[in-house]
PDB file of N, CA and C in Angstrom:
ATOM      1  N   MET A   1     -27.110 -19.138  -2.993  1.00  0.00           N
ATOM      2  CA  MET A   1     -25.939 -18.389  -2.537  1.00  0.00           C
ATOM      3  C   MET A   1     -24.959 -18.205  -3.708  1.00  0.00           C
ATOM      4  N   ASN A   2     -23.847 -17.601  -3.400  1.00  0.00           N
ATOM      5  CA  ASN A   2     -22.851 -17.274  -4.419  1.00  0.00           C
ATOM      6  C   ASN A   2     -22.226 -18.539  -5.004  1.00  0.00           C
ATOM      7  N   ARG A   3     -21.955 -18.494  -6.289  1.00  0.00           N
ATOM      8  CA  ARG A   3     -21.310 -19.637  -6.943  1.00  0.00           C
ATOM      9  C   ARG A   3     -19.802 -19.596  -6.733  1.00  0.00           C
ATOM     10  N   LEU A   4     -19.228 -18.396  -6.566  1.00  0.00           N
ATOM     11  CA  LEU A   4     -17.788 -18.260  -6.366  1.00  0.00           C
ATOM     12  C   LEU A   4     -17.508 -17.820  -4.938  1.00  0.00           C
ATOM     13  N   VAL A   5     -16.507 -18.459  -4.327  1.00  0.00           N
ATOM     14  CA  VAL A   5     -16.031 -18.073  -3.005  1.00  0.00           C
ATOM     15  C   VAL A   5     -14.513 -17.980  -3.067  1.00  0.00           C
ATOM     16  N   TYR A   6     -13.925 -17.413  -2.016  1.00  0.00           N
ATOM     17  CA  TYR A   6     -12.491 -17.122  -2.032  1.00  0.00           C
ATOM     18  C   TYR A   6     -11.829 -17.633  -0.762  1.00  0.00           C
ATOM     19  N   LYS A   7     -10.629 -18.173  -0.956  1.00  0.00           N
ATOM     20  CA  LYS A   7      -9.792 -18.625   0.157  1.00  0.00           C
ATOM     21  C   LYS A   7      -8.483 -17.856   0.101  1.00  0.00           C
ATOM     22  N   ILE A   8      -8.098 -17.275   1.217  1.00  0.00           N
ATOM     23  CA  ILE A   8      -6.798 -16.615   1.347  1.00  0.00           C
ATOM     24  C   ILE A   8      -5.898 -17.565   2.108  1.00  0.00           C
ATOM     25  N   CYS A   9      -4.728 -17.818   1.553  1.00  0.00           N
ATOM     26  CA  CYS A   9      -3.790 -18.710   2.231  1.00  0.00           C
ATOM     27  C   CYS A   9      -2.363 -18.422   1.753  1.00  0.00           C
ATOM     28  N   PRO A  10      -1.374 -18.896   2.492  1.00  0.00           N
ATOM     29  CA  PRO A  10       0.001 -18.737   2.026  1.00  0.00           C
ATOM     30  C   PRO A  10       0.210 -19.469   0.700  1.00  0.00           C
ATOM     31  N   GLY A  11       0.966 -18.849  -0.181  1.00  0.00           N
ATOM     32  CA  GLY A  11       1.243 -19.450  -1.480  1.00  0.00           C
ATOM     33  C   GLY A  11       1.884 -20.825  -1.362  1.00  0.00           C
ATOM     34  N   ALA A  12       2.739 -21.007  -0.369  1.00  0.00           N
ATOM     35  CA  ALA A  12       3.401 -22.309  -0.188  1.00  0.00           C
ATOM     36  C   ALA A  12       2.386 -23.397   0.161  1.00  0.00           C
ATOM     37  N   GLU A  13       1.373 -23.054   0.972  1.00  0.00           N
ATOM     38  CA  GLU A  13       0.333 -24.037   1.304  1.00  0.00           C
ATOM     39  C   GLU A  13      -0.462 -24.421   0.059  1.00  0.00           C
ATOM     40  N   TRP A  14      -0.766 -23.415  -0.775  1.00  0.00           N
ATOM     41  CA  TRP A  14      -1.534 -23.727  -1.979  1.00  0.00           C
ATOM     42  C   TRP A  14      -0.698 -24.557  -2.956  1.00  0.00           C
ATOM     43  N   ALA A  15       0.592 -24.295  -3.035  1.00  0.00           N
ATOM     44  CA  ALA A  15       1.467 -25.093  -3.905  1.00  0.00           C
ATOM     45  C   ALA A  15       1.445 -26.562  -3.473  1.00  0.00           C
ATOM     46  N   LEU A  16       1.457 -26.803  -2.169  1.00  0.00           N
ATOM     47  CA  LEU A  16       1.367 -28.180  -1.671  1.00  0.00           C
ATOM     48  C   LEU A  16       0.015 -28.800  -2.031  1.00  0.00           C
ATOM     49  N   ALA A  17      -1.036 -27.995  -1.965  1.00  0.00           N
ATOM     50  CA  ALA A  17      -2.363 -28.491  -2.335  1.00  0.00           C
ATOM     51  C   ALA A  17      -2.395 -28.880  -3.807  1.00  0.00           C
ATOM     52  N   MET A  18      -1.755 -28.092  -4.634  1.00  0.00           N
ATOM     53  CA  MET A  18      -1.712 -28.413  -6.061  1.00  0.00           C
ATOM     54  C   MET A  18      -0.971 -29.730  -6.289  1.00  0.00           C
ATOM     55  N   ASP A  19       0.103 -29.942  -5.538  1.00  0.00           N
ATOM     56  CA  ASP A  19       0.875 -31.184  -5.672  1.00  0.00           C
ATOM     57  C   ASP A  19       0.088 -32.403  -5.191  1.00  0.00           C
ATOM     58  N   SER A  20      -0.661 -32.233  -4.097  1.00  0.00           N
ATOM     59  CA  SER A  20      -1.372 -33.377  -3.508  1.00  0.00           C
ATOM     60  C   SER A  20      -2.788 -33.553  -4.076  1.00  0.00           C
ATOM     61  N   GLY A  21      -3.322 -32.487  -4.686  1.00  0.00           N
ATOM     62  CA  GLY A  21      -4.662 -32.573  -5.245  1.00  0.00           C
ATOM     63  C   GLY A  21      -5.749 -32.000  -4.368  1.00  0.00           C
ATOM     64  N   SER A  22      -5.411 -31.676  -3.102  1.00  0.00           N
ATOM     65  CA  SER A  22      -6.421 -31.073  -2.230  1.00  0.00           C
ATOM     66  C   SER A  22      -5.754 -30.254  -1.128  1.00  0.00           C
ATOM     67  N   TYR A  23      -6.552 -29.361  -0.553  1.00  0.00           N
ATOM     68  CA  TYR A  23      -6.090 -28.474   0.518  1.00  0.00           C
ATOM     69  C   TYR A  23      -6.878 -28.811   1.774  1.00  0.00           C
ATOM     70  N   ALA A  24      -6.165 -29.191   2.827  1.00  0.00           N
ATOM     71  CA  ALA A  24      -6.801 -29.571   4.087  1.00  0.00           C
ATOM     72  C   ALA A  24      -7.123 -28.363   4.953  1.00  0.00           C
ATOM     73  N   GLY A  25      -6.648 -27.190   4.560  1.00  0.00           N
ATOM     74  CA  GLY A  25      -6.905 -25.969   5.314  1.00  0.00           C
ATOM     75  C   GLY A  25      -5.707 -25.541   6.134  1.00  0.00           C
ATOM     76  N   SER A  26      -5.806 -24.320   6.634  1.00  0.00           N
ATOM     77  CA  SER A  26      -4.759 -23.769   7.487  1.00  0.00           C
ATOM     78  C   SER A  26      -4.865 -24.395   8.880  1.00  0.00           C
ATOM     79  N   ALA A  27      -3.936 -24.062   9.751  1.00  0.00           N
ATOM     80  CA  ALA A  27      -4.004 -24.542  11.134  1.00  0.00           C
ATOM     81  C   ALA A  27      -5.302 -24.073  11.792  1.00  0.00           C
ATOM     82  N   VAL A  28      -5.711 -22.833  11.526  1.00  0.00           N
ATOM     83  CA  VAL A  28      -6.965 -22.302  12.078  1.00  0.00           C
ATOM     84  C   VAL A  28      -8.153 -23.078  11.525  1.00  0.00           C
ATOM     85  N   ASP A  29      -8.149 -23.337  10.211  1.00  0.00           N
ATOM     86  CA  ASP A  29      -9.236 -24.116   9.604  1.00  0.00           C
ATOM     87  C   ASP A  29      -9.353 -25.484  10.270  1.00  0.00           C
ATOM     88  N   ARG A  30      -8.226 -26.159  10.385  1.00  0.00           N
ATOM     89  CA  ARG A  30      -8.249 -27.511  10.955  1.00  0.00           C
ATOM     90  C   ARG A  30      -8.726 -27.485  12.407  1.00  0.00           C
ATOM     91  N   ALA A  31      -8.311 -26.470  13.170  1.00  0.00           N
ATOM     92  CA  ALA A  31      -8.750 -26.349  14.568  1.00  0.00           C
ATOM     93  C   ALA A  31     -10.254 -26.088  14.643  1.00  0.00           C
ATOM     94  N   ASP A  32     -10.791 -25.317  13.697  1.00  0.00           N
ATOM     95  CA  ASP A  32     -12.221 -25.000  13.693  1.00  0.00           C
ATOM     96  C   ASP A  32     -13.069 -26.116  13.090  1.00  0.00           C
ATOM     97  N   GLY A  33     -12.447 -27.033  12.368  1.00  0.00           N
ATOM     98  CA  GLY A  33     -13.174 -28.165  11.789  1.00  0.00           C
ATOM     99  C   GLY A  33     -13.768 -27.897  10.424  1.00  0.00           C
ATOM    100  N   PHE A  34     -13.401 -26.782   9.802  1.00  0.00           N
ATOM    101  CA  PHE A  34     -13.868 -26.451   8.460  1.00  0.00           C
ATOM    102  C   PHE A  34     -12.925 -25.446   7.830  1.00  0.00           C
ATOM    103  N   ILE A  35     -12.990 -25.340   6.504  1.00  0.00           N
ATOM    104  CA  ILE A  35     -12.177 -24.366   5.771  1.00  0.00           C
ATOM    105  C   ILE A  35     -12.983 -23.084   5.636  1.00  0.00           C
ATOM    106  N   HIS A  36     -12.396 -21.990   6.089  1.00  0.00           N
ATOM    107  CA  HIS A  36     -13.024 -20.674   6.024  1.00  0.00           C
ATOM    108  C   HIS A  36     -12.901 -20.108   4.610  1.00  0.00           C
ATOM    109  N   PHE A  37     -14.013 -19.667   4.060  1.00  0.00           N
ATOM    110  CA  PHE A  37     -14.035 -18.943   2.796  1.00  0.00           C
ATOM    111  C   PHE A  37     -14.667 -17.583   3.025  1.00  0.00           C
ATOM    112  N   SER A  38     -14.538 -16.725   2.023  1.00  0.00           N
ATOM    113  CA  SER A  38     -15.211 -15.428   2.002  1.00  0.00           C
ATOM    114  C   SER A  38     -15.859 -15.249   0.645  1.00  0.00           C
ATOM    115  N   THR A  39     -16.886 -14.412   0.609  1.00  0.00           N
ATOM    116  CA  THR A  39     -17.448 -13.996  -0.673  1.00  0.00           C
ATOM    117  C   THR A  39     -16.577 -12.865  -1.213  1.00  0.00           C
ATOM    118  N   ALA A  40     -16.853 -12.452  -2.434  1.00  0.00           N
ATOM    119  CA  ALA A  40     -16.115 -11.329  -3.019  1.00  0.00           C
ATOM    120  C   ALA A  40     -16.245 -10.088  -2.142  1.00  0.00           C
ATOM    121  N   GLY A  41     -17.431  -9.865  -1.603  1.00  0.00           N
ATOM    122  CA  GLY A  41     -17.659  -8.697  -0.766  1.00  0.00           C
ATOM    123  C   GLY A  41     -17.039  -8.783   0.619  1.00  0.00           C
ATOM    124  N   GLN A  42     -16.650  -9.961   1.056  1.00  0.00           N
ATOM    125  CA  GLN A  42     -16.072 -10.165   2.387  1.00  0.00           C
ATOM    126  C   GLN A  42     -14.557 -10.327   2.377  1.00  0.00           C
ATOM    127  N   ALA A  43     -13.976 -10.613   1.227  1.00  0.00           N
ATOM    128  CA  ALA A  43     -12.560 -10.996   1.159  1.00  0.00           C
ATOM    129  C   ALA A  43     -11.613  -9.912   1.663  1.00  0.00           C
ATOM    130  N   ARG A  44     -11.867  -8.664   1.325  1.00  0.00           N
ATOM    131  CA  ARG A  44     -10.968  -7.587   1.763  1.00  0.00           C
ATOM    132  C   ARG A  44     -10.973  -7.435   3.280  1.00  0.00           C
ATOM    133  N   GLU A  45     -12.138  -7.506   3.878  1.00  0.00           N
ATOM    134  CA  GLU A  45     -12.212  -7.407   5.333  1.00  0.00           C
ATOM    135  C   GLU A  45     -11.558  -8.617   6.000  1.00  0.00           C
ATOM    136  N   THR A  46     -11.755  -9.792   5.424  1.00  0.00           N
ATOM    137  CA  THR A  46     -11.099 -10.990   5.950  1.00  0.00           C
ATOM    138  C   THR A  46      -9.587 -10.818   5.928  1.00  0.00           C
ATOM    139  N   ALA A  47      -9.050 -10.312   4.823  1.00  0.00           N
ATOM    140  CA  ALA A  47      -7.605 -10.089   4.725  1.00  0.00           C
ATOM    141  C   ALA A  47      -7.134  -9.094   5.779  1.00  0.00           C
ATOM    142  N   ALA A  48      -7.873  -8.006   5.948  1.00  0.00           N
ATOM    143  CA  ALA A  48      -7.481  -6.977   6.920  1.00  0.00           C
ATOM    144  C   ALA A  48      -7.548  -7.496   8.355  1.00  0.00           C
ATOM    145  N   ARG A  49      -8.563  -8.282   8.672  1.00  0.00           N
ATOM    146  CA  ARG A  49      -8.744  -8.775  10.044  1.00  0.00           C
ATOM    147  C   ARG A  49      -7.808  -9.922  10.409  1.00  0.00           C
ATOM    148  N   HIS A  50      -7.586 -10.825   9.473  1.00  0.00           N
ATOM    149  CA  HIS A  50      -6.905 -12.074   9.819  1.00  0.00           C
ATOM    150  C   HIS A  50      -5.525 -12.252   9.179  1.00  0.00           C
ATOM    151  N   PHE A  51      -5.170 -11.415   8.208  1.00  0.00           N
ATOM    152  CA  PHE A  51      -3.908 -11.612   7.489  1.00  0.00           C
ATOM    153  C   PHE A  51      -3.073 -10.337   7.395  1.00  0.00           C
ATOM    154  N   ALA A  52      -3.394  -9.312   8.176  1.00  0.00           N
ATOM    155  CA  ALA A  52      -2.682  -8.033   8.097  1.00  0.00           C
ATOM    156  C   ALA A  52      -1.178  -8.237   8.252  1.00  0.00           C
ATOM    157  N   GLY A  53      -0.437  -7.645   7.343  1.00  0.00           N
ATOM    158  CA  GLY A  53       1.021  -7.714   7.375  1.00  0.00           C
ATOM    159  C   GLY A  53       1.624  -8.982   6.816  1.00  0.00           C
ATOM    160  N   GLN A  54       0.810  -9.988   6.525  1.00  0.00           N
ATOM    161  CA  GLN A  54       1.339 -11.251   6.018  1.00  0.00           C
ATOM    162  C   GLN A  54       1.658 -11.134   4.526  1.00  0.00           C
ATOM    163  N   ARG A  55       2.772 -11.664   4.178  1.00  0.00           N
ATOM    164  CA  ARG A  55       3.237 -11.626   2.790  1.00  0.00           C
ATOM    165  C   ARG A  55       3.144 -13.015   2.180  1.00  0.00           C
ATOM    166  N   ASP A  56       3.336 -13.094   0.883  1.00  0.00           N
ATOM    167  CA  ASP A  56       3.349 -14.367   0.158  1.00  0.00           C
ATOM    168  C   ASP A  56       2.020 -15.112   0.241  1.00  0.00           C
ATOM    169  N   LEU A  57       0.925 -14.341   0.252  1.00  0.00           N
ATOM    170  CA  LEU A  57      -0.402 -14.942   0.255  1.00  0.00           C
ATOM    171  C   LEU A  57      -0.941 -15.040  -1.166  1.00  0.00           C
ATOM    172  N   VAL A  58      -1.902 -15.929  -1.337  1.00  0.00           N
ATOM    173  CA  VAL A  58      -2.624 -16.020  -2.603  1.00  0.00           C
ATOM    174  C   VAL A  58      -4.119 -15.952  -2.301  1.00  0.00           C
ATOM    175  N   LEU A  59      -4.865 -15.545  -3.314  1.00  0.00           N
ATOM    176  CA  LEU A  59      -6.314 -15.512  -3.259  1.00  0.00           C
ATOM    177  C   LEU A  59      -6.809 -16.550  -4.248  1.00  0.00           C
ATOM    178  N   VAL A  60      -7.456 -17.585  -3.721  1.00  0.00           N
ATOM    179  CA  VAL A  60      -7.920 -18.697  -4.538  1.00  0.00           C
ATOM    180  C   VAL A  60      -9.416 -18.510  -4.796  1.00  0.00           C
ATOM    181  N   GLN A  61      -9.776 -18.399  -6.062  1.00  0.00           N
ATOM    182  CA  GLN A  61     -11.184 -18.298  -6.454  1.00  0.00           C
ATOM    183  C   GLN A  61     -11.697 -19.714  -6.675  1.00  0.00           C
ATOM    184  N   VAL A  62     -12.762 -20.070  -5.960  1.00  0.00           N
ATOM    185  CA  VAL A  62     -13.274 -21.439  -5.950  1.00  0.00           C
ATOM    186  C   VAL A  62     -14.696 -21.461  -6.503  1.00  0.00           C
ATOM    187  N   ASP A  63     -14.939 -22.409  -7.389  1.00  0.00           N
ATOM    188  CA  ASP A  63     -16.266 -22.652  -7.943  1.00  0.00           C
ATOM    189  C   ASP A  63     -16.992 -23.618  -7.003  1.00  0.00           C
ATOM    190  N   THR A  64     -18.041 -23.135  -6.341  1.00  0.00           N
ATOM    191  CA  THR A  64     -18.741 -23.981  -5.370  1.00  0.00           C
ATOM    192  C   THR A  64     -19.389 -25.211  -6.015  1.00  0.00           C
ATOM    193  N   ALA A  65     -19.657 -25.147  -7.322  1.00  0.00           N
ATOM    194  CA  ALA A  65     -20.235 -26.304  -8.013  1.00  0.00           C
ATOM    195  C   ALA A  65     -19.245 -27.461  -8.100  1.00  0.00           C
ATOM    196  N   ARG A  66     -17.963 -27.189  -7.874  1.00  0.00           N
ATOM    197  CA  ARG A  66     -16.934 -28.237  -7.934  1.00  0.00           C
ATOM    198  C   ARG A  66     -16.583 -28.809  -6.565  1.00  0.00           C
ATOM    199  N   LEU A  67     -17.316 -28.397  -5.538  1.00  0.00           N
ATOM    200  CA  LEU A  67     -17.050 -28.875  -4.183  1.00  0.00           C
ATOM    201  C   LEU A  67     -17.877 -30.124  -3.902  1.00  0.00           C
ATOM    202  N   PRO A  68     -17.440 -30.923  -2.922  1.00  0.00           N
ATOM    203  CA  PRO A  68     -18.219 -32.120  -2.578  1.00  0.00           C
ATOM    204  C   PRO A  68     -19.652 -31.735  -2.212  1.00  0.00           C
ATOM    205  N   PRO A  69     -20.624 -32.507  -2.676  1.00  0.00           N
ATOM    206  CA  PRO A  69     -22.036 -32.199  -2.386  1.00  0.00           C
ATOM    207  C   PRO A  69     -22.290 -32.073  -0.880  1.00  0.00           C
ATOM    208  N   ASP A  70     -23.030 -31.063  -0.507  1.00  0.00           N
ATOM    209  CA  ASP A  70     -23.451 -30.819   0.880  1.00  0.00           C
ATOM    210  C   ASP A  70     -22.311 -30.509   1.845  1.00  0.00           C
ATOM    211  N   ALA A  71     -21.095 -30.297   1.364  1.00  0.00           N
ATOM    212  CA  ALA A  71     -19.977 -29.996   2.254  1.00  0.00           C
ATOM    213  C   ALA A  71     -19.848 -28.504   2.548  1.00  0.00           C
ATOM    214  N   LEU A  72     -20.441 -27.649   1.703  1.00  0.00           N
ATOM    215  CA  LEU A  72     -20.361 -26.202   1.897  1.00  0.00           C
ATOM    216  C   LEU A  72     -21.594 -25.739   2.661  1.00  0.00           C
ATOM    217  N   LYS A  73     -21.352 -25.102   3.790  1.00  0.00           N
ATOM    218  CA  LYS A  73     -22.431 -24.575   4.631  1.00  0.00           C
ATOM    219  C   LYS A  73     -22.258 -23.063   4.753  1.00  0.00           C
ATOM    220  N   TRP A  74     -23.376 -22.342   4.709  1.00  0.00           N
ATOM    221  CA  TRP A  74     -23.369 -20.893   4.904  1.00  0.00           C
ATOM    222  C   TRP A  74     -23.793 -20.643   6.348  1.00  0.00           C
ATOM    223  N   GLU A  75     -22.837 -20.092   7.140  1.00  0.00           N
ATOM    224  CA  GLU A  75     -23.078 -19.964   8.566  1.00  0.00           C
ATOM    225  C   GLU A  75     -22.825 -18.538   9.042  1.00  0.00           C
ATOM    226  N   ALA A  76     -23.579 -18.133  10.060  1.00  0.00           N
ATOM    227  CA  ALA A  76     -23.469 -16.780  10.595  1.00  0.00           C
ATOM    228  C   ALA A  76     -22.134 -16.590  11.314  1.00  0.00           C
ATOM    229  N   SER A  77     -21.568 -15.435  11.081  1.00  0.00           N
ATOM    230  CA  SER A  77     -20.335 -15.017  11.729  1.00  0.00           C
ATOM    231  C   SER A  77     -20.422 -13.509  11.867  1.00  0.00           C
ATOM    232  N   ARG A  78     -19.327 -12.833  12.111  1.00  0.00           N
ATOM    233  CA  ARG A  78     -19.257 -11.368  12.170  1.00  0.00           C
ATOM    234  C   ARG A  78     -20.594 -10.633  12.114  1.00  0.00           C
ATOM    235  N   GLY A  79     -21.185 -10.408  13.199  1.00  0.00           N
ATOM    236  CA  GLY A  79     -22.407  -9.635  13.234  1.00  0.00           C
ATOM    237  C   GLY A  79     -23.573 -10.258  12.485  1.00  0.00           C
ATOM    238  N   GLY A  80     -23.563 -11.561  12.330  1.00  0.00           N
ATOM    239  CA  GLY A  80     -24.663 -12.244  11.679  1.00  0.00           C
ATOM    240  C   GLY A  80     -24.503 -12.449  10.183  1.00  0.00           C
ATOM    241  N   ALA A  81     -23.437 -11.925   9.591  1.00  0.00           N
ATOM    242  CA  ALA A  81     -23.204 -12.133   8.154  1.00  0.00           C
ATOM    243  C   ALA A  81     -22.962 -13.616   7.887  1.00  0.00           C
ATOM    244  N   LEU A  82     -23.464 -14.098   6.765  1.00  0.00           N
ATOM    245  CA  LEU A  82     -23.256 -15.496   6.390  1.00  0.00           C
ATOM    246  C   LEU A  82     -21.921 -15.661   5.670  1.00  0.00           C
ATOM    247  N   PHE A  83     -21.138 -16.613   6.142  1.00  0.00           N
ATOM    248  CA  PHE A  83     -19.851 -16.937   5.540  1.00  0.00           C
ATOM    249  C   PHE A  83     -19.869 -18.383   5.075  1.00  0.00           C
ATOM    250  N   PRO A  84     -19.211 -18.676   3.952  1.00  0.00           N
ATOM    251  CA  PRO A  84     -19.131 -20.054   3.477  1.00  0.00           C
ATOM    252  C   PRO A  84     -18.049 -20.837   4.225  1.00  0.00           C
ATOM    253  N   HIS A  85     -18.412 -22.016   4.697  1.00  0.00           N
ATOM    254  CA  HIS A  85     -17.490 -22.906   5.408  1.00  0.00           C
ATOM    255  C   HIS A  85     -17.545 -24.276   4.740  1.00  0.00           C
ATOM    256  N   LEU A  86     -16.378 -24.822   4.433  1.00  0.00           N
ATOM    257  CA  LEU A  86     -16.299 -26.125   3.771  1.00  0.00           C
ATOM    258  C   LEU A  86     -15.910 -27.196   4.776  1.00  0.00           C
ATOM    259  N   TYR A  87     -16.782 -28.180   4.961  1.00  0.00           N
ATOM    260  CA  TYR A  87     -16.556 -29.290   5.884  1.00  0.00           C
ATOM    261  C   TYR A  87     -16.013 -30.501   5.140  1.00  0.00           C
ATOM    262  N   ALA A  88     -14.931 -30.275   4.409  1.00  0.00           N
ATOM    263  CA  ALA A  88     -14.248 -31.318   3.643  1.00  0.00           C
ATOM    264  C   ALA A  88     -12.957 -30.699   3.118  1.00  0.00           C
ATOM    265  N   PRO A  89     -12.008 -31.515   2.679  1.00  0.00           N
ATOM    266  CA  PRO A  89     -10.836 -30.939   2.015  1.00  0.00           C
ATOM    267  C   PRO A  89     -11.270 -30.211   0.739  1.00  0.00           C
ATOM    268  N   LEU A  90     -10.542 -29.188   0.399  1.00  0.00           N
ATOM    269  CA  LEU A  90     -10.811 -28.407  -0.810  1.00  0.00           C
ATOM    270  C   LEU A  90     -10.090 -29.050  -1.988  1.00  0.00           C
ATOM    271  N   PRO A  91     -10.824 -29.582  -2.961  1.00  0.00           N
ATOM    272  CA  PRO A  91     -10.154 -30.154  -4.134  1.00  0.00           C
ATOM    273  C   PRO A  91      -9.440 -29.043  -4.912  1.00  0.00           C
ATOM    274  N   ALA A  92      -8.189 -29.254  -5.239  1.00  0.00           N
ATOM    275  CA  ALA A  92      -7.432 -28.250  -5.998  1.00  0.00           C
ATOM    276  C   ALA A  92      -8.125 -27.953  -7.326  1.00  0.00           C
ATOM    277  N   ALA A  93      -8.804 -28.935  -7.887  1.00  0.00           N
ATOM    278  CA  ALA A  93      -9.491 -28.765  -9.169  1.00  0.00           C
ATOM    279  C   ALA A  93     -10.688 -27.819  -9.072  1.00  0.00           C
ATOM    280  N   ALA A  94     -11.121 -27.471  -7.860  1.00  0.00           N
ATOM    281  CA  ALA A  94     -12.234 -26.536  -7.694  1.00  0.00           C
ATOM    282  C   ALA A  94     -11.789 -25.087  -7.888  1.00  0.00           C
ATOM    283  N   ALA A  95     -10.483 -24.857  -7.886  1.00  0.00           N
ATOM    284  CA  ALA A  95      -9.956 -23.497  -8.054  1.00  0.00           C
ATOM    285  C   ALA A  95     -10.039 -23.087  -9.518  1.00  0.00           C
ATOM    286  N   LEU A  96     -10.665 -21.948  -9.759  1.00  0.00           N
ATOM    287  CA  LEU A  96     -10.745 -21.405 -11.113  1.00  0.00           C
ATOM    288  C   LEU A  96      -9.548 -20.521 -11.432  1.00  0.00           C
ATOM    289  N   ARG A  97      -9.067 -19.830 -10.406  1.00  0.00           N
ATOM    290  CA  ARG A  97      -7.878 -18.993 -10.586  1.00  0.00           C
ATOM    291  C   ARG A  97      -7.222 -18.762  -9.238  1.00  0.00           C
ATOM    292  N   VAL A  98      -5.944 -18.443  -9.295  1.00  0.00           N
ATOM    293  CA  VAL A  98      -5.165 -18.146  -8.095  1.00  0.00           C
ATOM    294  C   VAL A  98      -4.385 -16.881  -8.387  1.00  0.00           C
ATOM    295  N   ASP A  99      -4.603 -15.860  -7.576  1.00  0.00           N
ATOM    296  CA  ASP A  99      -3.921 -14.581  -7.751  1.00  0.00           C
ATOM    297  C   ASP A  99      -3.022 -14.297  -6.566  1.00  0.00           C
ATOM    298  N   PRO A 100      -1.851 -13.708  -6.815  1.00  0.00           N
ATOM    299  CA  PRO A 100      -1.030 -13.268  -5.686  1.00  0.00           C
ATOM    300  C   PRO A 100      -1.772 -12.175  -4.926  1.00  0.00           C
ATOM    301  N   LEU A 101      -1.526 -12.095  -3.648  1.00  0.00           N
ATOM    302  CA  LEU A 101      -2.156 -11.093  -2.802  1.00  0.00           C
ATOM    303  C   LEU A 101      -1.043 -10.329  -2.071  1.00  0.00           C
ATOM    304  N   PRO A 102      -0.333  -9.483  -2.819  1.00  0.00           N
ATOM    305  CA  PRO A 102       0.822  -8.811  -2.234  1.00  0.00           C
ATOM    306  C   PRO A 102       0.427  -7.819  -1.134  1.00  0.00           C
ATOM    307  N   TRP A 103       1.323  -7.642  -0.184  1.00  0.00           N
ATOM    308  CA  TRP A 103       1.143  -6.702   0.917  1.00  0.00           C
ATOM    309  C   TRP A 103       1.978  -5.461   0.629  1.00  0.00           C
ATOM    310  N   ARG A 104       1.367  -4.315   0.796  1.00  0.00           N
ATOM    311  CA  ARG A 104       2.084  -3.042   0.679  1.00  0.00           C
ATOM    312  C   ARG A 104       1.866  -2.269   1.965  1.00  0.00           C
ATOM    313  N   ASP A 105       2.960  -1.935   2.642  1.00  0.00           N
ATOM    314  CA  ASP A 105       2.857  -1.144   3.869  1.00  0.00           C
ATOM    315  C   ASP A 105       2.072   0.129   3.587  1.00  0.00           C
ATOM    316  N   GLY A 106       1.155   0.441   4.467  1.00  0.00           N
ATOM    317  CA  GLY A 106       0.328   1.630   4.324  1.00  0.00           C
ATOM    318  C   GLY A 106      -0.872   1.454   3.418  1.00  0.00           C
ATOM    319  N   GLU A 107      -0.911   0.374   2.654  1.00  0.00           N
ATOM    320  CA  GLU A 107      -2.033   0.128   1.734  1.00  0.00           C
ATOM    321  C   GLU A 107      -2.771  -1.161   2.049  1.00  0.00           C
ATOM    322  N   GLY A 108      -2.115  -2.110   2.663  1.00  0.00           N
ATOM    323  CA  GLY A 108      -2.710  -3.418   2.923  1.00  0.00           C
ATOM    324  C   GLY A 108      -2.493  -4.353   1.744  1.00  0.00           C
ATOM    325  N   HIS A 109      -3.309  -5.373   1.668  1.00  0.00           N
ATOM    326  CA  HIS A 109      -3.193  -6.336   0.570  1.00  0.00           C
ATOM    327  C   HIS A 109      -3.781  -5.741  -0.700  1.00  0.00           C
ATOM    328  N   LEU A 110      -3.122  -6.001  -1.803  1.00  0.00           N
ATOM    329  CA  LEU A 110      -3.579  -5.507  -3.098  1.00  0.00           C
ATOM    330  C   LEU A 110      -4.330  -6.622  -3.806  1.00  0.00           C
ATOM    331  N   PHE A 111      -5.620  -6.426  -3.932  1.00  0.00           N
ATOM    332  CA  PHE A 111      -6.507  -7.424  -4.541  1.00  0.00           C
ATOM    333  C   PHE A 111      -6.560  -7.228  -6.048  1.00  0.00           C
ATOM    334  N   PRO A 112      -6.932  -8.286  -6.765  1.00  0.00           N
ATOM    335  CA  PRO A 112      -7.199  -8.125  -8.203  1.00  0.00           C
ATOM    336  C   PRO A 112      -8.263  -7.053  -8.383  1.00  0.00           C
ATOM    337  N   GLU A 113      -8.274  -6.427  -9.544  1.00  0.00           N
ATOM    338  CA  GLU A 113      -9.209  -5.341  -9.786  1.00  0.00           C
ATOM    339  C   GLU A 113     -10.654  -5.725  -9.532  1.00  0.00           C
ATOM    340  N   ARG A 114     -11.023  -6.912  -9.947  1.00  0.00           N
ATOM    341  CA  ARG A 114     -12.411  -7.331  -9.834  1.00  0.00           C
ATOM    342  C   ARG A 114     -12.512  -8.717  -9.218  1.00  0.00           C
ATOM    343  N   LEU A 115     -13.414  -8.843  -8.263  1.00  0.00           N
ATOM    344  CA  LEU A 115     -13.742 -10.141  -7.692  1.00  0.00           C
ATOM    345  C   LEU A 115     -15.195 -10.434  -8.054  1.00  0.00           C
ATOM    346  N   ASP A 116     -15.436 -11.627  -8.548  1.00  0.00           N
ATOM    347  CA  ASP A 116     -16.780 -12.006  -8.975  1.00  0.00           C
ATOM    348  C   ASP A 116     -17.435 -12.916  -7.946  1.00  0.00           C
ATOM    349  N   ASP A 117     -18.758 -12.854  -7.883  1.00  0.00           N
ATOM    350  CA  ASP A 117     -19.534 -13.746  -7.024  1.00  0.00           C
ATOM    351  C   ASP A 117     -20.258 -14.819  -7.819  1.00  0.00           C
ATOM    352  N   ALA A 118     -20.562 -14.527  -9.071  1.00  0.00           N
ATOM    353  CA  ALA A 118     -21.439 -15.433  -9.821  1.00  0.00           C
ATOM    354  C   ALA A 118     -20.702 -16.452 -10.637  1.00  0.00           C
TER     355      ALA A 118
END
């Protein structure tokens, strides 16, 4: 599977993760029992479906090789597409980069020019 995955979350939540060393997930993640990630090809749709209109978000690029062994599972969701789910806290050190994900009315979230999977 893909070596890079992406987490969309409020910038304030990620700042707390940086301070504590790990991210326990959003309220939805905690209720579901895992941290929801997207691939590069899924991130825009995830933002449109679950974060429309939300401001002050960040896009965290995560190296799956830095995650706890066997904690990342690829599971079917949305019409059978496989999505990465992390069954452990996300170590802040697994983040390779963090980009702002600004919202523009009429345009949606503005993503970095390029998202990588490998």
